[in-house]
PDB file of N, CA and C in Angstrom:
ATOM      1  N   MET A   1      -0.733   2.640   2.218  1.00  0.00           N
ATOM      2  CA  MET A   1      -0.460   1.235   1.980  1.00  0.00           C
ATOM      3  C   MET A   1      -1.721   0.573   1.448  1.00  0.00           C
ATOM      4  N   LYS A   2      -1.532  -0.321   0.516  1.00  0.00           N
ATOM      5  CA  LYS A   2      -2.650  -1.081  -0.033  1.00  0.00           C
ATOM      6  C   LYS A   2      -2.545  -2.517   0.455  1.00  0.00           C
ATOM      7  N   PHE A   3      -3.700  -3.117   0.679  1.00  0.00           N
ATOM      8  CA  PHE A   3      -3.752  -4.517   1.095  1.00  0.00           C
ATOM      9  C   PHE A   3      -4.426  -5.325   0.002  1.00  0.00           C
ATOM     10  N   LYS A   4      -3.804  -6.429  -0.345  1.00  0.00           N
ATOM     11  CA  LYS A   4      -4.429  -7.374  -1.265  1.00  0.00           C
ATOM     12  C   LYS A   4      -5.315  -8.294  -0.447  1.00  0.00           C
ATOM     13  N   GLY A   5      -6.298  -8.895  -1.108  1.00  0.00           N
ATOM     14  CA  GLY A   5      -7.241  -9.763  -0.419  1.00  0.00           C
ATOM     15  C   GLY A   5      -6.586 -10.865   0.385  1.00  0.00           C
ATOM     16  N   HIS A   6      -5.611 -11.532  -0.206  1.00  0.00           N
ATOM     17  CA  HIS A   6      -4.956 -12.642   0.496  1.00  0.00           C
ATOM     18  C   HIS A   6      -4.164 -12.136   1.701  1.00  0.00           C
ATOM     19  N   GLU A   7      -3.673 -10.897   1.651  1.00  0.00           N
ATOM     20  CA  GLU A   7      -2.943 -10.337   2.794  1.00  0.00           C
ATOM     21  C   GLU A   7      -3.881 -10.077   3.977  1.00  0.00           C
ATOM     22  N   ILE A   8      -5.079  -9.628   3.675  1.00  0.00           N
ATOM     23  CA  ILE A   8      -6.068  -9.396   4.732  1.00  0.00           C
ATOM     24  C   ILE A   8      -6.467 -10.720   5.370  1.00  0.00           C
ATOM     25  N   LYS A   9      -6.673 -11.724   4.541  1.00  0.00           N
ATOM     26  CA  LYS A   9      -7.040 -13.041   5.064  1.00  0.00           C
ATOM     27  C   LYS A   9      -5.914 -13.615   5.924  1.00  0.00           C
ATOM     28  N   THR A  10      -4.692 -13.492   5.469  1.00  0.00           N
ATOM     29  CA  THR A  10      -3.544 -13.985   6.236  1.00  0.00           C
ATOM     30  C   THR A  10      -3.436 -13.259   7.569  1.00  0.00           C
ATOM     31  N   LEU A  11      -3.625 -11.941   7.558  1.00  0.00           N
ATOM     32  CA  LEU A  11      -3.584 -11.167   8.794  1.00  0.00           C
ATOM     33  C   LEU A  11      -4.654 -11.649   9.764  1.00  0.00           C
ATOM     34  N   ARG A  12      -5.855 -11.834   9.264  1.00  0.00           N
ATOM     35  CA  ARG A  12      -6.956 -12.308  10.111  1.00  0.00           C
ATOM     36  C   ARG A  12      -6.625 -13.674  10.704  1.00  0.00           C
ATOM     37  N   GLN A  13      -6.077 -14.547   9.910  1.00  0.00           N
ATOM     38  CA  GLN A  13      -5.729 -15.880  10.384  1.00  0.00           C
ATOM     39  C   GLN A  13      -4.596 -15.832  11.400  1.00  0.00           C
ATOM     40  N   ARG A  14      -3.621 -14.968  11.179  1.00  0.00           N
ATOM     41  CA  ARG A  14      -2.519 -14.840  12.146  1.00  0.00           C
ATOM     42  C   ARG A  14      -3.028 -14.334  13.496  1.00  0.00           C
ATOM     43  N   LEU A  15      -4.062 -13.517  13.461  1.00  0.00           N
ATOM     44  CA  LEU A  15      -4.667 -13.033  14.701  1.00  0.00           C
ATOM     45  C   LEU A  15      -5.523 -14.107  15.366  1.00  0.00           C
ATOM     46  N   GLY A  16      -5.854 -15.156  14.613  1.00  0.00           N
ATOM     47  CA  GLY A  16      -6.703 -16.207  15.144  1.00  0.00           C
ATOM     48  C   GLY A  16      -8.172 -15.812  15.168  1.00  0.00           C
ATOM     49  N   TRP A  17      -8.553 -14.880  14.304  1.00  0.00           N
ATOM     50  CA  TRP A  17      -9.921 -14.370  14.276  1.00  0.00           C
ATOM     51  C   TRP A  17     -10.741 -15.005  13.168  1.00  0.00           C
ATOM     52  N   SER A  18     -11.995 -15.229  13.450  1.00  0.00           N
ATOM     53  CA  SER A  18     -12.952 -15.649  12.425  1.00  0.00           C
ATOM     54  C   SER A  18     -13.363 -14.403  11.634  1.00  0.00           C
ATOM     55  N   LEU A  19     -14.089 -14.629  10.553  1.00  0.00           N
ATOM     56  CA  LEU A  19     -14.634 -13.488   9.797  1.00  0.00           C
ATOM     57  C   LEU A  19     -15.511 -12.625  10.700  1.00  0.00           C
ATOM     58  N   ALA A  20     -16.343 -13.278  11.494  1.00  0.00           N
ATOM     59  CA  ALA A  20     -17.259 -12.549  12.374  1.00  0.00           C
ATOM     60  C   ALA A  20     -16.507 -11.734  13.422  1.00  0.00           C
ATOM     61  N   GLU A  21     -15.438 -12.318  13.974  1.00  0.00           N
ATOM     62  CA  GLU A  21     -14.662 -11.613  14.988  1.00  0.00           C
ATOM     63  C   GLU A  21     -13.971 -10.393  14.400  1.00  0.00           C
ATOM     64  N   MET A  22     -13.382 -10.544  13.231  1.00  0.00           N
ATOM     65  CA  MET A  22     -12.717  -9.402  12.603  1.00  0.00           C
ATOM     66  C   MET A  22     -13.734  -8.317  12.256  1.00  0.00           C
ATOM     67  N   ALA A  23     -14.861  -8.717  11.737  1.00  0.00           N
ATOM     68  CA  ALA A  23     -15.904  -7.748  11.395  1.00  0.00           C
ATOM     69  C   ALA A  23     -16.375  -7.002  12.642  1.00  0.00           C
ATOM     70  N   ARG A  24     -16.580  -7.717  13.720  1.00  0.00           N
ATOM     71  CA  ARG A  24     -17.036  -7.087  14.957  1.00  0.00           C
ATOM     72  C   ARG A  24     -16.017  -6.081  15.448  1.00  0.00           C
ATOM     73  N   ARG A  25     -14.771  -6.467  15.456  1.00  0.00           N
ATOM     74  CA  ARG A  25     -13.715  -5.591  15.977  1.00  0.00           C
ATOM     75  C   ARG A  25     -13.439  -4.396  15.072  1.00  0.00           C
ATOM     76  N   MET A  26     -13.718  -4.534  13.787  1.00  0.00           N
ATOM     77  CA  MET A  26     -13.473  -3.428  12.863  1.00  0.00           C
ATOM     78  C   MET A  26     -14.727  -2.604  12.610  1.00  0.00           C
ATOM     79  N   GLY A  27     -15.837  -3.014  13.200  1.00  0.00           N
ATOM     80  CA  GLY A  27     -17.065  -2.222  13.087  1.00  0.00           C
ATOM     81  C   GLY A  27     -17.758  -2.317  11.746  1.00  0.00           C
ATOM     82  N   CYS A  28     -17.724  -3.497  11.148  1.00  0.00           N
ATOM     83  CA  CYS A  28     -18.418  -3.704   9.877  1.00  0.00           C
ATOM     84  C   CYS A  28     -19.083  -5.081   9.923  1.00  0.00           C
ATOM     85  N   ASN A  29     -19.605  -5.534   8.804  1.00  0.00           N
ATOM     86  CA  ASN A  29     -20.206  -6.872   8.805  1.00  0.00           C
ATOM     87  C   ASN A  29     -19.304  -7.867   8.072  1.00  0.00           C
ATOM     88  N   THR A  30     -19.616  -9.137   8.234  1.00  0.00           N
ATOM     89  CA  THR A  30     -18.761 -10.190   7.676  1.00  0.00           C
ATOM     90  C   THR A  30     -18.673 -10.123   6.155  1.00  0.00           C
ATOM     91  N   GLN A  31     -19.734  -9.659   5.511  1.00  0.00           N
ATOM     92  CA  GLN A  31     -19.717  -9.571   4.047  1.00  0.00           C
ATOM     93  C   GLN A  31     -18.630  -8.610   3.577  1.00  0.00           C
ATOM     94  N   VAL A  32     -18.421  -7.532   4.317  1.00  0.00           N
ATOM     95  CA  VAL A  32     -17.365  -6.577   3.964  1.00  0.00           C
ATOM     96  C   VAL A  32     -16.002  -7.255   4.037  1.00  0.00           C
ATOM     97  N   ILE A  33     -15.751  -7.992   5.118  1.00  0.00           N
ATOM     98  CA  ILE A  33     -14.469  -8.690   5.266  1.00  0.00           C
ATOM     99  C   ILE A  33     -14.299  -9.715   4.145  1.00  0.00           C
ATOM    100  N   GLU A  34     -15.347 -10.465   3.852  1.00  0.00           N
ATOM    101  CA  GLU A  34     -15.286 -11.439   2.755  1.00  0.00           C
ATOM    102  C   GLU A  34     -14.968 -10.755   1.430  1.00  0.00           C
ATOM    103  N   ASN A  35     -15.586  -9.602   1.190  1.00  0.00           N
ATOM    104  CA  ASN A  35     -15.330  -8.866  -0.055  1.00  0.00           C
ATOM    105  C   ASN A  35     -13.899  -8.355  -0.125  1.00  0.00           C
ATOM    106  N   TRP A  36     -13.346  -7.915   1.018  1.00  0.00           N
ATOM    107  CA  TRP A  36     -11.938  -7.498   1.041  1.00  0.00           C
ATOM    108  C   TRP A  36     -11.044  -8.685   0.698  1.00  0.00           C
ATOM    109  N   GLU A  37     -11.305  -9.807   1.368  1.00  0.00           N
ATOM    110  CA  GLU A  37     -10.463 -10.988   1.174  1.00  0.00           C
ATOM    111  C   GLU A  37     -10.565 -11.543  -0.245  1.00  0.00           C
ATOM    112  N   SER A  38     -11.701 -11.341  -0.883  1.00  0.00           N
ATOM    113  CA  SER A  38     -11.900 -11.796  -2.264  1.00  0.00           C
ATOM    114  C   SER A  38     -11.447 -10.750  -3.279  1.00  0.00           C
ATOM    115  N   SER A  39     -10.997  -9.598  -2.775  1.00  0.00           N
ATOM    116  CA  SER A  39     -10.578  -8.468  -3.611  1.00  0.00           C
ATOM    117  C   SER A  39     -11.713  -7.913  -4.457  1.00  0.00           C
ATOM    118  N   LEU A  40     -12.956  -8.089  -3.987  1.00  0.00           N
ATOM    119  CA  LEU A  40     -14.100  -7.509  -4.691  1.00  0.00           C
ATOM    120  C   LEU A  40     -14.216  -6.017  -4.402  1.00  0.00           C
ATOM    121  N   ILE A  41     -13.849  -5.614  -3.195  1.00  0.00           N
ATOM    122  CA  ILE A  41     -13.801  -4.204  -2.837  1.00  0.00           C
ATOM    123  C   ILE A  41     -12.504  -3.953  -2.065  1.00  0.00           C
ATOM    124  N   VAL A  42     -12.093  -2.713  -2.035  1.00  0.00           N
ATOM    125  CA  VAL A  42     -10.893  -2.357  -1.273  1.00  0.00           C
ATOM    126  C   VAL A  42     -11.320  -1.635  -0.008  1.00  0.00           C
ATOM    127  N   PRO A  43     -10.575  -1.818   1.070  1.00  0.00           N
ATOM    128  CA  PRO A  43     -10.905  -1.146   2.326  1.00  0.00           C
ATOM    129  C   PRO A  43     -10.791   0.373   2.179  1.00  0.00           C
ATOM    130  N   ASP A  44     -11.640   1.102   2.918  1.00  0.00           N
ATOM    131  CA  ASP A  44     -11.554   2.562   2.912  1.00  0.00           C
ATOM    132  C   ASP A  44     -10.373   3.011   3.776  1.00  0.00           C
ATOM    133  N   ALA A  45     -10.150   4.305   3.847  1.00  0.00           N
ATOM    134  CA  ALA A  45      -8.983   4.848   4.546  1.00  0.00           C
ATOM    135  C   ALA A  45      -8.956   4.464   6.026  1.00  0.00           C
ATOM    136  N   ASP A  46     -10.103   4.525   6.709  1.00  0.00           N
ATOM    137  CA  ASP A  46     -10.135   4.150   8.125  1.00  0.00           C
ATOM    138  C   ASP A  46      -9.803   2.675   8.316  1.00  0.00           C
ATOM    139  N   ALA A  47     -10.341   1.840   7.450  1.00  0.00           N
ATOM    140  CA  ALA A  47     -10.064   0.404   7.539  1.00  0.00           C
ATOM    141  C   ALA A  47      -8.590   0.124   7.249  1.00  0.00           C
ATOM    142  N   ILE A  48      -8.016   0.836   6.291  1.00  0.00           N
ATOM    143  CA  ILE A  48      -6.588   0.672   5.989  1.00  0.00           C
ATOM    144  C   ILE A  48      -5.762   1.011   7.227  1.00  0.00           C
ATOM    145  N   ASN A  49      -6.120   2.090   7.923  1.00  0.00           N
ATOM    146  CA  ASN A  49      -5.404   2.457   9.151  1.00  0.00           C
ATOM    147  C   ASN A  49      -5.499   1.349  10.191  1.00  0.00           C
ATOM    148  N   GLN A  50      -6.684   0.786  10.350  1.00  0.00           N
ATOM    149  CA  GLN A  50      -6.860  -0.298  11.318  1.00  0.00           C
ATOM    150  C   GLN A  50      -6.046  -1.522  10.906  1.00  0.00           C
ATOM    151  N   LEU A  51      -6.076  -1.853   9.635  1.00  0.00           N
ATOM    152  CA  LEU A  51      -5.320  -3.009   9.147  1.00  0.00           C
ATOM    153  C   LEU A  51      -3.817  -2.796   9.314  1.00  0.00           C
ATOM    154  N   CYS A  52      -3.347  -1.582   9.053  1.00  0.00           N
ATOM    155  CA  CYS A  52      -1.915  -1.273   9.248  1.00  0.00           C
ATOM    156  C   CYS A  52      -1.533  -1.431  10.709  1.00  0.00           C
ATOM    157  N   TYR A  53      -2.378  -0.948  11.603  1.00  0.00           N
ATOM    158  CA  TYR A  53      -2.123  -1.077  13.036  1.00  0.00           C
ATOM    159  C   TYR A  53      -2.012  -2.550  13.423  1.00  0.00           C
ATOM    160  N   LEU A  54      -2.965  -3.343  12.962  1.00  0.00           N
ATOM    161  CA  LEU A  54      -2.960  -4.773  13.275  1.00  0.00           C
ATOM    162  C   LEU A  54      -1.732  -5.463  12.688  1.00  0.00           C
ATOM    163  N   LEU A  55      -1.402  -5.140  11.449  1.00  0.00           N
ATOM    164  CA  LEU A  55      -0.244  -5.754  10.803  1.00  0.00           C
ATOM    165  C   LEU A  55       1.045  -5.398  11.536  1.00  0.00           C
ATOM    166  N   ASN A  56       1.213  -4.138  11.881  1.00  0.00           N
ATOM    167  CA  ASN A  56       2.411  -3.735  12.620  1.00  0.00           C
ATOM    168  C   ASN A  56       2.502  -4.443  13.963  1.00  0.00           C
ATOM    169  N   TYR A  57       1.374  -4.570  14.631  1.00  0.00           N
ATOM    170  CA  TYR A  57       1.368  -5.249  15.920  1.00  0.00           C
ATOM    171  C   TYR A  57       1.739  -6.722  15.760  1.00  0.00           C
ATOM    172  N   VAL A  58       1.133  -7.371  14.793  1.00  0.00           N
ATOM    173  CA  VAL A  58       1.398  -8.792  14.567  1.00  0.00           C
ATOM    174  C   VAL A  58       2.861  -9.009  14.210  1.00  0.00           C
ATOM    175  N   GLU A  59       3.402  -8.159  13.349  1.00  0.00           N
ATOM    176  CA  GLU A  59       4.795  -8.328  12.935  1.00  0.00           C
ATOM    177  C   GLU A  59       5.773  -8.060  14.071  1.00  0.00           C
ATOM    178  N   SER A  60       5.467  -7.084  14.922  1.00  0.00           N
ATOM    179  CA  SER A  60       6.391  -6.775  16.012  1.00  0.00           C
ATOM    180  C   SER A  60       6.275  -7.760  17.175  1.00  0.00           C
ATOM    181  N   ASN A  61       5.209  -8.541  17.202  1.00  0.00           N
ATOM    182  CA  ASN A  61       5.003  -9.511  18.278  1.00  0.00           C
ATOM    183  C   ASN A  61       4.774 -10.912  17.735  1.00  0.00           C
ATOM    184  N   ALA A  62       5.393 -11.218  16.607  1.00  0.00           N
ATOM    185  CA  ALA A  62       5.147 -12.483  15.913  1.00  0.00           C
ATOM    186  C   ALA A  62       5.383 -13.697  16.797  1.00  0.00           C
ATOM    187  N   ASP A  63       6.423 -13.668  17.616  1.00  0.00           N
ATOM    188  CA  ASP A  63       6.710 -14.830  18.455  1.00  0.00           C
ATOM    189  C   ASP A  63       5.625 -15.060  19.494  1.00  0.00           C
ATOM    190  N   GLN A  64       4.995 -14.010  19.975  1.00  0.00           N
ATOM    191  CA  GLN A  64       3.916 -14.141  20.965  1.00  0.00           C
ATOM    192  C   GLN A  64       2.580 -14.464  20.304  1.00  0.00           C
ATOM    193  N   ILE A  65       2.382 -13.962  19.092  1.00  0.00           N
ATOM    194  CA  ILE A  65       1.129 -14.197  18.381  1.00  0.00           C
ATOM    195  C   ILE A  65       0.945 -15.687  18.107  1.00  0.00           C
ATOM    196  N   VAL A  66       2.040 -16.366  17.824  1.00  0.00           N
ATOM    197  CA  VAL A  66       1.957 -17.791  17.531  1.00  0.00           C
ATOM    198  C   VAL A  66       1.337 -18.543  18.707  1.00  0.00           C
ATOM    199  N   ARG A  67       1.701 -18.146  19.914  1.00  0.00           N
ATOM    200  CA  ARG A  67       1.175 -18.827  21.093  1.00  0.00           C
ATOM    201  C   ARG A  67      -0.273 -18.436  21.401  1.00  0.00           C
ATOM    202  N   LYS A  68      -0.580 -17.157  21.318  1.00  0.00           N
ATOM    203  CA  LYS A  68      -1.926 -16.677  21.622  1.00  0.00           C
ATOM    204  C   LYS A  68      -2.141 -15.352  20.915  1.00  0.00           C
ATOM    205  N   PRO A  69      -3.329 -15.119  20.363  1.00  0.00           N
ATOM    206  CA  PRO A  69      -3.575 -13.832  19.710  1.00  0.00           C
ATOM    207  C   PRO A  69      -3.399 -12.675  20.702  1.00  0.00           C
ATOM    208  N   GLN A  70      -2.224 -12.095  20.708  1.00  0.00           N
ATOM    209  CA  GLN A  70      -1.859 -11.058  21.659  1.00  0.00           C
ATOM    210  C   GLN A  70      -2.721  -9.815  21.509  1.00  0.00           C
ATOM    211  N   ILE A  71      -3.032  -9.436  20.277  1.00  0.00           N
ATOM    212  CA  ILE A  71      -3.821  -8.233  20.054  1.00  0.00           C
ATOM    213  C   ILE A  71      -5.185  -8.361  20.720  1.00  0.00           C
ATOM    214  N   GLU A  72      -5.745  -9.572  20.703  1.00  0.00           N
ATOM    215  CA  GLU A  72      -7.045  -9.781  21.334  1.00  0.00           C
ATOM    216  C   GLU A  72      -6.957  -9.516  22.837  1.00  0.00           C
ATOM    217  N   ARG A  73      -5.915 -10.029  23.478  1.00  0.00           N
ATOM    218  CA  ARG A  73      -5.761  -9.811  24.907  1.00  0.00           C
ATOM    219  C   ARG A  73      -5.563  -8.326  25.208  1.00  0.00           C
ATOM    220  N   GLU A  74      -4.741  -7.652  24.405  1.00  0.00           N
ATOM    221  CA  GLU A  74      -4.511  -6.223  24.619  1.00  0.00           C
ATOM    222  C   GLU A  74      -5.807  -5.426  24.459  1.00  0.00           C
ATOM    223  N   MET A  75      -6.574  -5.773  23.448  1.00  0.00           N
ATOM    224  CA  MET A  75      -7.826  -5.052  23.227  1.00  0.00           C
ATOM    225  C   MET A  75      -8.796  -5.292  24.378  1.00  0.00           C
ATOM    226  N   GLU A  76      -8.821  -6.496  24.929  1.00  0.00           N
ATOM    227  CA  GLU A  76      -9.672  -6.773  26.071  1.00  0.00           C
ATOM    228  C   GLU A  76      -9.211  -5.986  27.292  1.00  0.00           C
ATOM    229  N   GLU A  77      -7.885  -5.934  27.510  1.00  0.00           N
ATOM    230  CA  GLU A  77      -7.342  -5.182  28.643  1.00  0.00           C
ATOM    231  C   GLU A  77      -7.677  -3.704  28.526  1.00  0.00           C
ATOM    232  N   ARG A  78      -7.684  -3.195  27.303  1.00  0.00           N
ATOM    233  CA  ARG A  78      -8.010  -1.793  27.077  1.00  0.00           C
ATOM    234  C   ARG A  78      -9.519  -1.582  26.966  1.00  0.00           C
ATOM    235  N   ARG A  79     -10.260  -2.676  27.126  1.00  0.00           N
ATOM    236  CA  ARG A  79     -11.725  -2.667  27.042  1.00  0.00           C
ATOM    237  C   ARG A  79     -12.222  -2.078  25.725  1.00  0.00           C
ATOM    238  N   MET A  80     -11.624  -2.571  24.657  1.00  0.00           N
ATOM    239  CA  MET A  80     -11.983  -2.115  23.320  1.00  0.00           C
ATOM    240  C   MET A  80     -12.727  -3.233  22.603  1.00  0.00           C
ATOM    241  N   ALA A  81     -13.919  -2.942  22.138  1.00  0.00           N
ATOM    242  CA  ALA A  81     -14.657  -3.929  21.355  1.00  0.00           C
ATOM    243  C   ALA A  81     -14.152  -3.927  19.915  1.00  0.00           C
ATOM    244  N   GLN A  82     -13.650  -2.782  19.480  1.00  0.00           N
ATOM    245  CA  GLN A  82     -13.101  -2.674  18.144  1.00  0.00           C
ATOM    246  C   GLN A  82     -12.116  -1.517  18.128  1.00  0.00           C
ATOM    247  N   LEU A  83     -11.268  -1.511  17.149  1.00  0.00           N
ATOM    248  CA  LEU A  83     -10.339  -0.405  16.979  1.00  0.00           C
ATOM    249  C   LEU A  83     -11.074   0.757  16.332  1.00  0.00           C
ATOM    250  N   THR A  84     -10.774   1.943  16.779  1.00  0.00           N
ATOM    251  CA  THR A  84     -11.353   3.136  16.163  1.00  0.00           C
ATOM    252  C   THR A  84     -10.224   4.043  15.720  1.00  0.00           C
ATOM    253  N   HIS A  85     -10.569   5.015  14.926  1.00  0.00           N
ATOM    254  CA  HIS A  85      -9.574   5.968  14.461  1.00  0.00           C
ATOM    255  C   HIS A  85      -8.930   6.692  15.642  1.00  0.00           C
ATOM    256  N   ARG A  86      -9.721   7.043  16.651  1.00  0.00           N
ATOM    257  CA  ARG A  86      -9.191   7.708  17.841  1.00  0.00           C
ATOM    258  C   ARG A  86      -8.172   6.835  18.563  1.00  0.00           C
ATOM    259  N   ASP A  87      -8.432   5.528  18.643  1.00  0.00           N
ATOM    260  CA  ASP A  87      -7.488   4.612  19.290  1.00  0.00           C
ATOM    261  C   ASP A  87      -6.162   4.603  18.541  1.00  0.00           C
ATOM    262  N   LEU A  88      -6.234   4.601  17.229  1.00  0.00           N
ATOM    263  CA  LEU A  88      -5.015   4.613  16.439  1.00  0.00           C
ATOM    264  C   LEU A  88      -4.234   5.902  16.658  1.00  0.00           C
ATOM    265  N   LEU A  89      -4.934   7.027  16.718  1.00  0.00           N
ATOM    266  CA  LEU A  89      -4.246   8.300  16.947  1.00  0.00           C
ATOM    267  C   LEU A  89      -3.569   8.325  18.312  1.00  0.00           C
ATOM    268  N   LYS A  90      -4.221   7.775  19.344  1.00  0.00           N
ATOM    269  CA  LYS A  90      -3.630   7.725  20.678  1.00  0.00           C
ATOM    270  C   LYS A  90      -2.324   6.937  20.645  1.00  0.00           C
ATOM    271  N   ASP A  91      -2.338   5.824  19.931  1.00  0.00           N
ATOM    272  CA  ASP A  91      -1.152   4.973  19.868  1.00  0.00           C
ATOM    273  C   ASP A  91      -0.012   5.636  19.106  1.00  0.00           C
ATOM    274  N   LEU A  92      -0.330   6.514  18.183  1.00  0.00           N
ATOM    275  CA  LEU A  92       0.706   7.172  17.396  1.00  0.00           C
ATOM    276  C   LEU A  92       1.327   8.367  18.108  1.00  0.00           C
ATOM    277  N   GLN A  93       0.640   8.896  19.102  1.00  0.00           N
ATOM    278  CA  GLN A  93       1.157  10.091  19.812  1.00  0.00           C
ATOM    279  C   GLN A  93       2.123   9.738  20.884  1.00  0.00           C
TER     280      GLN A  93
END
């Protein structure tokens, strides 16, 4: 799956995350997120996996996301500072 810059920005906003928060959770810096959102660079394969995970979560829990960023609470409960490839594999198994 490919993400356009505006789709990444919309996803971040739906999560209620700032650029800094998304960068921290994805293990990169804010400039990378800004470049994705501006379509200056495209996310690598690991980032695409993380973005797909977030998008699927947001879409399947849209009614709850509106009230509070649910993914943030889940990540805190799982004591995750950021999503990793291993976390995604665990969720898929």
